[in-house]
Every structure is written in structure tokens, then in C-alpha cells.
Amino acid sequence: MSATEKALAAEEAEVVAKATRRRFTVEYKGKILREADGCKTPGAVGALLRREGLYSSHLTTWRAARDRGELAGAPKKRGPIPPVPDPRDTKIAELAREAARWRRRAERAEVLVEVQKKLSVLLEAPLEAEHS
């Protein structure tokens, strides 16, 4: 064996550093399921699985997804499901914001009344009768 042949053999035997998970498209899954459902002779499904490099668990999982209707539409998004806001929580937050706004207005009004009282004392001008 020459040095070139040894180098080529070494390149072919190299192991990939990080394996990647295979991803199957919805179209591919549908195609394989149709082929598997069409297999009538003994061993035909096994031959299909060997040819495609699949496991029988793939068929089981994909058939269940097809029965749930997940293979018909767009692929399902992964990750956490965003919480659906409760209309009552939205109303509570809105009312809390409104109460805070009215509280700030009331505090401003109280400060203005105090300023008016102090100003009337400084100017020695009597205020109109207070309504307590």
C-alpha cells in the first residue's frame, strides 16, 4: 500500500467530532408513511426502513403525529408555550394603573392646597372658608 493510499484510507476512517441529529421534513415523513402503508409483502417495511436508515419507532411516532393532525399543517414550534393572558388579570392590571394615576393626582392636589395655605399666611390674606 502506497503512502497516498494510506492517507486516503486514514481520511475515510476519520470520525466526525460532533454528531448531528437528523431532522426530517414533514414532506419526507409523509412520503415514508405512505410507502410503509403501501407495503403488502412480508419484510417490505423492514426493507424500507433499512434502505432509509430508519427505525420502526420512527414510524410509530410519525403515525401518532399524523393521527393527531400534526403532519398536515405547519411544523410545530419548539420551546415553552407562551402563557395565554387571563382577561381578569388584564383588567386588574388596568385598574391598578388607573388607581395609581388617581393617587398621584390626589397627592399633587394636596401639595397645591398646602402651598396655597402657606402663601395665604405669608400674604396675610385669609382663605375662603374651608370645607372639611
Protein backbone atom coordinates (compact mmCIF):
# COMPACT_ATOMS: atom_id res chain seq x y z
CA MET A 1 0.00 0.00 0.00
CA SER A 2 1.47 3.34 -1.01
CA ALA A 3 1.62 6.44 1.16
CA THR A 4 -1.17 8.08 -0.86
CA GLU A 5 -3.44 5.10 -0.40
CA LYS A 6 -2.73 5.09 3.36
CA ALA A 7 -3.55 8.80 3.57
CA LEU A 8 -6.84 8.27 1.72
CA ALA A 9 -7.73 5.32 3.95
CA ALA A 10 -6.99 7.43 7.04
CA GLU A 11 -9.25 10.25 5.79
CA GLU A 12 -12.11 7.84 5.20
CA ALA A 13 -11.72 6.36 8.69
CA GLU A 14 -11.82 9.72 10.46
CA VAL A 15 -14.60 10.12 12.98
CA VAL A 16 -16.67 13.28 12.93
CA ALA A 17 -16.05 15.25 16.11
CA LYS A 18 -19.69 16.06 16.83
CA ALA A 19 -22.58 14.02 15.52
CA THR A 20 -25.63 15.95 14.40
CA ARG A 21 -29.18 14.85 14.91
CA ARG A 22 -31.04 14.11 11.72
CA ARG A 23 -34.06 16.29 11.01
CA PHE A 24 -36.91 15.02 8.89
CA THR A 25 -39.21 17.34 6.99
CA VAL A 26 -42.97 16.96 7.09
CA GLU A 27 -42.92 16.01 3.41
CA TYR A 28 -40.34 13.28 3.99
CA LYS A 29 -42.30 11.83 6.92
CA GLY A 30 -45.48 11.79 4.84
CA LYS A 31 -43.70 10.12 1.93
CA ILE A 32 -42.22 7.39 4.14
CA LEU A 33 -45.57 6.77 5.87
CA ARG A 34 -47.32 6.42 2.52
CA GLU A 35 -44.67 3.97 1.35
CA ALA A 36 -44.88 1.98 4.60
CA ASP A 37 -48.67 1.89 4.44
CA GLY A 38 -48.42 0.62 0.86
CA CYS A 39 -46.12 -2.29 1.75
CA LYS A 40 -48.10 -5.53 1.41
CA THR A 41 -45.45 -8.25 1.25
CA PRO A 42 -43.72 -9.66 4.36
CA GLY A 43 -40.44 -7.86 5.06
CA ALA A 44 -41.20 -4.90 2.80
CA VAL A 45 -41.46 -2.45 5.70
CA GLY A 46 -38.17 -3.72 7.12
CA ALA A 47 -36.50 -3.28 3.74
CA LEU A 48 -37.88 0.28 3.51
CA LEU A 49 -36.56 1.10 6.98
CA ARG A 50 -33.11 -0.35 6.19
CA ARG A 51 -32.96 1.50 2.87
CA GLU A 52 -33.80 4.83 4.54
CA GLY A 53 -31.76 4.19 7.70
CA LEU A 54 -34.79 4.50 9.97
CA TYR A 55 -36.14 2.64 12.97
CA SER A 56 -39.61 1.23 13.49
CA SER A 57 -40.04 3.73 16.34
CA HIS A 58 -39.86 6.49 13.72
CA LEU A 59 -42.91 5.03 12.00
CA THR A 60 -44.74 4.69 15.32
CA THR A 61 -44.02 8.29 16.32
CA TRP A 62 -44.84 9.68 12.88
CA ARG A 63 -48.10 7.73 12.64
CA ALA A 64 -49.19 9.07 16.03
CA ALA A 65 -48.32 12.61 14.90
CA ARG A 66 -50.27 12.07 11.68
CA ASP A 67 -53.29 10.83 13.67
CA ARG A 68 -53.12 13.97 15.84
CA GLY A 69 -53.00 16.10 12.68
CA GLU A 70 -49.53 17.46 13.30
CA LEU A 71 -48.17 16.35 9.94
CA ALA A 72 -50.95 18.06 7.99
CA GLY A 73 -50.12 21.67 8.82
CA ALA A 74 -47.09 23.73 9.58
CA PRO A 75 -44.41 22.22 11.78
CA LYS A 76 -45.00 22.66 15.49
CA LYS A 77 -42.86 25.32 17.12
CA ARG A 78 -40.49 24.09 19.79
CA GLY A 79 -39.96 25.65 23.18
CA PRO A 80 -42.16 26.76 26.03
CA ILE A 81 -45.75 27.61 25.26
CA PRO A 82 -46.38 31.31 25.90
CA PRO A 83 -48.99 31.76 28.61
CA VAL A 84 -52.39 32.98 27.47
CA PRO A 85 -53.23 36.11 29.47
CA ASP A 86 -56.35 35.83 31.60
CA PRO A 87 -58.76 38.70 30.80
CA ARG A 88 -59.30 39.19 34.53
CA ASP A 89 -55.57 39.72 35.07
CA THR A 90 -55.54 42.27 32.26
CA LYS A 91 -58.48 44.12 33.85
CA ILE A 92 -56.82 44.03 37.29
CA ALA A 93 -53.60 45.49 35.88
CA GLU A 94 -55.57 48.21 34.07
CA LEU A 95 -57.45 49.13 37.24
CA ALA A 96 -54.21 49.18 39.24
CA ARG A 97 -52.67 51.61 36.74
CA GLU A 98 -55.75 53.81 36.91
CA ALA A 99 -55.74 53.79 40.74
CA ALA A 100 -52.04 54.75 40.76
CA ARG A 101 -52.76 57.61 38.34
CA TRP A 102 -55.59 58.93 40.57
CA ARG A 103 -53.38 58.55 43.66
CA ARG A 104 -50.66 60.70 42.04
CA ARG A 105 -53.25 63.35 41.09
CA ALA A 106 -54.59 63.41 44.67
CA GLU A 107 -51.07 63.81 46.09
CA ARG A 108 -50.42 66.70 43.69
CA ALA A 109 -53.70 68.35 44.69
CA GLU A 110 -52.81 68.04 48.39
CA VAL A 111 -49.42 69.64 47.75
CA LEU A 112 -51.11 72.51 45.89
CA VAL A 113 -53.54 73.09 48.77
CA GLU A 114 -50.64 73.17 51.25
CA VAL A 115 -48.80 75.69 49.05
CA GLN A 116 -51.94 77.86 48.86
CA LYS A 117 -52.30 77.79 52.67
CA LYS A 118 -48.67 78.78 53.22
CA LEU A 119 -48.96 81.53 50.59
CA SER A 120 -52.08 82.96 52.24
CA VAL A 121 -50.31 83.00 55.62
CA LEU A 122 -47.33 84.81 54.09
CA LEU A 123 -49.52 87.34 52.32
CA GLU A 124 -51.82 87.58 55.31
CA ALA A 125 -54.80 87.07 53.04
CA PRO A 126 -57.47 84.89 54.65
CA LEU A 127 -58.56 81.87 52.68
CA GLU A 128 -62.21 81.33 51.99
CA ALA A 129 -63.97 79.07 54.46
CA GLU A 130 -62.54 75.57 54.29
CA HIS A 131 -64.85 72.69 53.55
CA SER A 132 -63.61 69.94 55.86
